[in-house]
Protein backbone atom coordinates (compact mmCIF):
# COMPACT_ATOMS: atom_id res chain seq x y z
CA MET A 1 5.22 31.50 -55.54
CA THR A 2 3.54 28.62 -53.82
CA VAL A 3 5.20 27.02 -50.85
CA SER A 4 6.38 23.43 -51.19
CA GLY A 5 4.63 20.73 -49.06
CA PHE A 6 1.31 18.99 -48.81
CA ALA A 7 -1.87 20.90 -49.65
CA LEU A 8 -5.54 20.14 -49.54
CA VAL A 9 -7.23 20.50 -52.88
CA ALA A 10 -10.97 20.74 -53.41
CA VAL A 11 -12.68 20.49 -56.79
CA ASN A 12 -16.05 22.14 -56.76
CA ASN A 13 -18.83 22.08 -59.36
CA GLN A 14 -20.66 25.34 -59.10
CA ASN A 15 -24.20 25.53 -60.60
CA VAL A 16 -26.72 28.28 -60.27
CA GLN A 17 -28.33 26.84 -57.14
CA GLN A 18 -25.37 25.60 -55.08
CA VAL A 19 -21.71 24.62 -54.98
CA VAL A 20 -21.13 20.85 -54.87
CA GLN A 21 -17.80 19.48 -53.79
CA GLU A 22 -16.83 16.81 -56.39
CA ALA A 23 -13.45 15.75 -54.97
CA LEU A 24 -11.16 16.49 -52.06
CA GLY A 25 -7.59 15.23 -51.59
CA ARG A 26 -4.07 15.96 -50.60
CA VAL A 27 -1.33 16.66 -53.13
CA LEU A 28 2.39 17.27 -52.75
CA ILE A 29 3.49 20.69 -54.05
CA THR A 30 7.17 20.80 -55.18
CA ALA A 31 9.33 23.51 -56.67
CA ILE A 32 10.05 21.27 -59.68
CA ALA A 33 8.53 18.19 -61.25
CA PRO A 34 10.42 17.59 -64.47
CA ALA A 35 8.74 15.95 -67.38
CA ILE A 36 10.01 15.45 -70.93
CA PHE A 37 7.58 15.57 -73.82
CA THR A 38 7.27 12.71 -76.25
CA ALA A 39 6.16 12.81 -79.86
CA ASP A 40 2.91 10.96 -79.25
CA SER A 41 2.16 13.01 -76.00
CA SER A 42 2.03 9.79 -73.89
CA GLY A 43 5.12 10.59 -71.79
CA GLN A 44 6.70 7.40 -73.08
CA GLY A 45 8.53 6.51 -76.23
CA ILE A 46 10.37 8.72 -78.76
CA ALA A 47 11.25 12.21 -77.45
CA ALA A 48 9.64 15.28 -78.90
CA ALA A 49 13.10 16.64 -79.65
CA SER A 50 15.52 17.85 -82.31
CA ILE A 51 19.18 17.89 -82.76
CA LEU A 52 21.53 20.77 -83.63
CA ARG A 53 24.57 19.67 -85.66
CA ILE A 54 27.53 22.07 -85.41
CA LYS A 55 29.97 21.31 -88.24
CA ALA A 56 33.73 21.98 -88.17
CA ASP A 57 33.31 25.13 -90.29
CA GLY A 58 30.74 26.52 -87.78
CA GLU A 59 27.65 25.75 -89.89
CA GLN A 60 24.67 24.83 -87.75
CA VAL A 61 21.94 22.50 -89.03
CA SER A 62 18.80 21.61 -87.17
CA GLU A 63 17.53 18.02 -87.72
CA PRO A 64 14.42 16.16 -86.52
CA VAL A 65 14.68 12.95 -84.49
CA VAL A 66 11.04 11.91 -85.08
CA ARG A 67 8.48 11.71 -87.91
CA TYR A 68 4.90 10.60 -88.28
CA ASP A 69 4.52 7.36 -90.34
CA SER A 70 1.07 7.37 -91.81
CA ALA A 71 1.38 3.66 -92.85
CA GLN A 72 1.96 2.68 -89.21
CA ASN A 73 -0.32 5.44 -87.90
CA ARG A 74 2.24 6.44 -85.28
CA PHE A 75 5.44 8.43 -84.60
CA VAL A 76 8.72 6.70 -85.36
CA GLY A 77 12.21 7.74 -84.51
CA ILE A 78 14.69 9.02 -87.16
CA PRO A 79 18.10 7.51 -86.40
CA VAL A 80 20.53 10.27 -85.46
CA ASP A 81 23.74 10.05 -87.46
CA LEU A 82 26.59 11.45 -85.33
CA GLY A 83 28.46 12.24 -88.50
CA PRO A 84 32.28 12.80 -88.76
CA GLN A 85 34.44 13.26 -85.65
CA THR A 86 34.48 17.02 -86.29
CA ASP A 87 30.65 17.33 -85.86
CA ARG A 88 29.27 18.25 -82.49
CA VAL A 89 25.68 17.03 -82.02
CA ILE A 90 23.41 18.67 -79.47
CA LEU A 91 20.09 17.08 -78.49
CA THR A 92 17.32 19.49 -77.49
CA LEU A 93 14.57 17.98 -75.37
CA TYR A 94 11.38 19.85 -74.61
CA GLY A 95 9.46 19.60 -71.40
CA THR A 96 8.00 21.21 -68.32
CA GLY A 97 8.91 21.63 -64.66
CA ILE A 98 12.52 22.42 -65.45
CA ARG A 99 13.01 26.16 -65.14
CA PHE A 100 12.85 26.39 -61.33
CA ARG A 101 15.87 24.05 -60.82
CA THR A 102 18.14 25.22 -58.00
CA SER A 103 21.32 25.22 -60.12
CA SER A 104 22.46 24.09 -63.60
CA SER A 105 24.97 21.81 -61.82
CA ASN A 106 22.01 19.85 -60.35
CA VAL A 107 20.86 18.75 -63.80
CA ARG A 108 22.08 15.30 -64.89
CA ALA A 109 21.50 13.47 -68.15
CA SER A 110 22.41 10.11 -69.59
CA VAL A 111 21.82 8.44 -72.94
CA ALA A 112 22.07 4.67 -73.00
CA GLY A 113 23.60 4.78 -69.55
CA ILE A 114 26.41 7.13 -70.79
CA ASP A 115 26.64 10.55 -68.95
CA ALA A 116 25.79 13.42 -71.23
CA GLU A 117 27.13 16.99 -70.79
CA VAL A 118 24.13 19.30 -70.09
CA LEU A 119 24.64 22.64 -71.77
CA TYR A 120 21.36 24.31 -70.75
CA ALA A 121 18.23 23.55 -68.78
CA GLY A 122 15.64 26.18 -68.48
CA VAL A 123 13.10 28.37 -70.28
CA GLN A 124 12.55 27.82 -74.03
CA ASN A 125 12.23 31.38 -75.22
CA ASP A 126 9.85 30.97 -78.17
CA PHE A 127 6.78 29.41 -76.42
CA VAL A 128 5.43 30.65 -73.08
CA GLY A 129 5.65 27.89 -70.43
CA LEU A 130 7.84 25.61 -72.43
CA ASP A 131 11.21 24.50 -71.03
CA GLN A 132 14.12 22.80 -72.78
CA ILE A 133 17.35 20.87 -72.00
CA ASN A 134 20.25 20.88 -74.41
CA LEU A 135 22.78 18.07 -74.03
CA VAL A 136 25.82 16.81 -76.05
CA LEU A 137 25.47 13.39 -77.62
CA SER A 138 28.67 11.42 -76.92
CA ARG A 139 30.39 9.89 -79.93
CA THR A 140 30.48 6.61 -77.99
CA LEU A 141 26.73 6.28 -78.74
CA ALA A 142 27.39 5.52 -82.41
CA GLY A 143 25.72 2.21 -83.38
CA LYS A 144 23.66 1.95 -80.16
CA GLY A 145 20.31 1.97 -81.87
CA GLU A 146 17.35 2.72 -79.60
CA CYS A 147 18.56 4.41 -76.42
CA GLU A 148 16.94 5.54 -73.18
CA VAL A 149 17.41 9.17 -72.32
CA LYS A 150 17.26 9.91 -68.53
CA ILE A 151 17.14 13.37 -66.90
CA THR A 152 17.42 14.03 -63.17
CA ILE A 153 16.91 17.52 -61.80
CA ASP A 154 17.51 18.36 -58.15
CA GLY A 155 17.33 14.66 -57.41
CA MET A 156 13.97 14.22 -59.12
CA ASP A 157 13.75 11.93 -62.18
CA ALA A 158 11.87 12.92 -65.24
CA ASN A 159 10.13 10.33 -67.30
CA PRO A 160 12.63 8.48 -69.46
CA VAL A 161 12.32 8.95 -73.19
CA ARG A 162 13.78 7.22 -76.27
CA LEU A 163 16.13 8.31 -79.03
CA ILE A 164 17.54 6.24 -81.92
CA VAL A 165 21.26 6.56 -82.70
CA LYS A 166 22.63 5.32 -85.99
């Protein structure tokens, strides 16, 4: 594992004759640098996410929170319906720089300024290198419309993303 702190990075262009230094600079190396993926890959806007609805009878249903609208030529949010009081709705966010958090208790989340219970923050087991965060959507979000989702890990803020709640 690389040690945290400042490092000198050189970018070289090696051709057959010689090595030419293209760039040289200092970068800060940290153990974590959380980033949440967005549907359009910009790091802004609607989250690349899904929800898991757990019904009173234990049935689990996965639902998208985003779709591509070909008429608008862009990704648009699908409003999340929190459903009846008996449903538990879990938002799964995908990202990077999450797995090396110091402790699960150092992961904080809020949706529209309302604290959200974080159930998991770490490796997503289906795709190498992908991380995920699972959090419970509060019933108090009903009717909020477009909401900002904020994640903080070990005191470092990830990029805020958007979610639409019906």
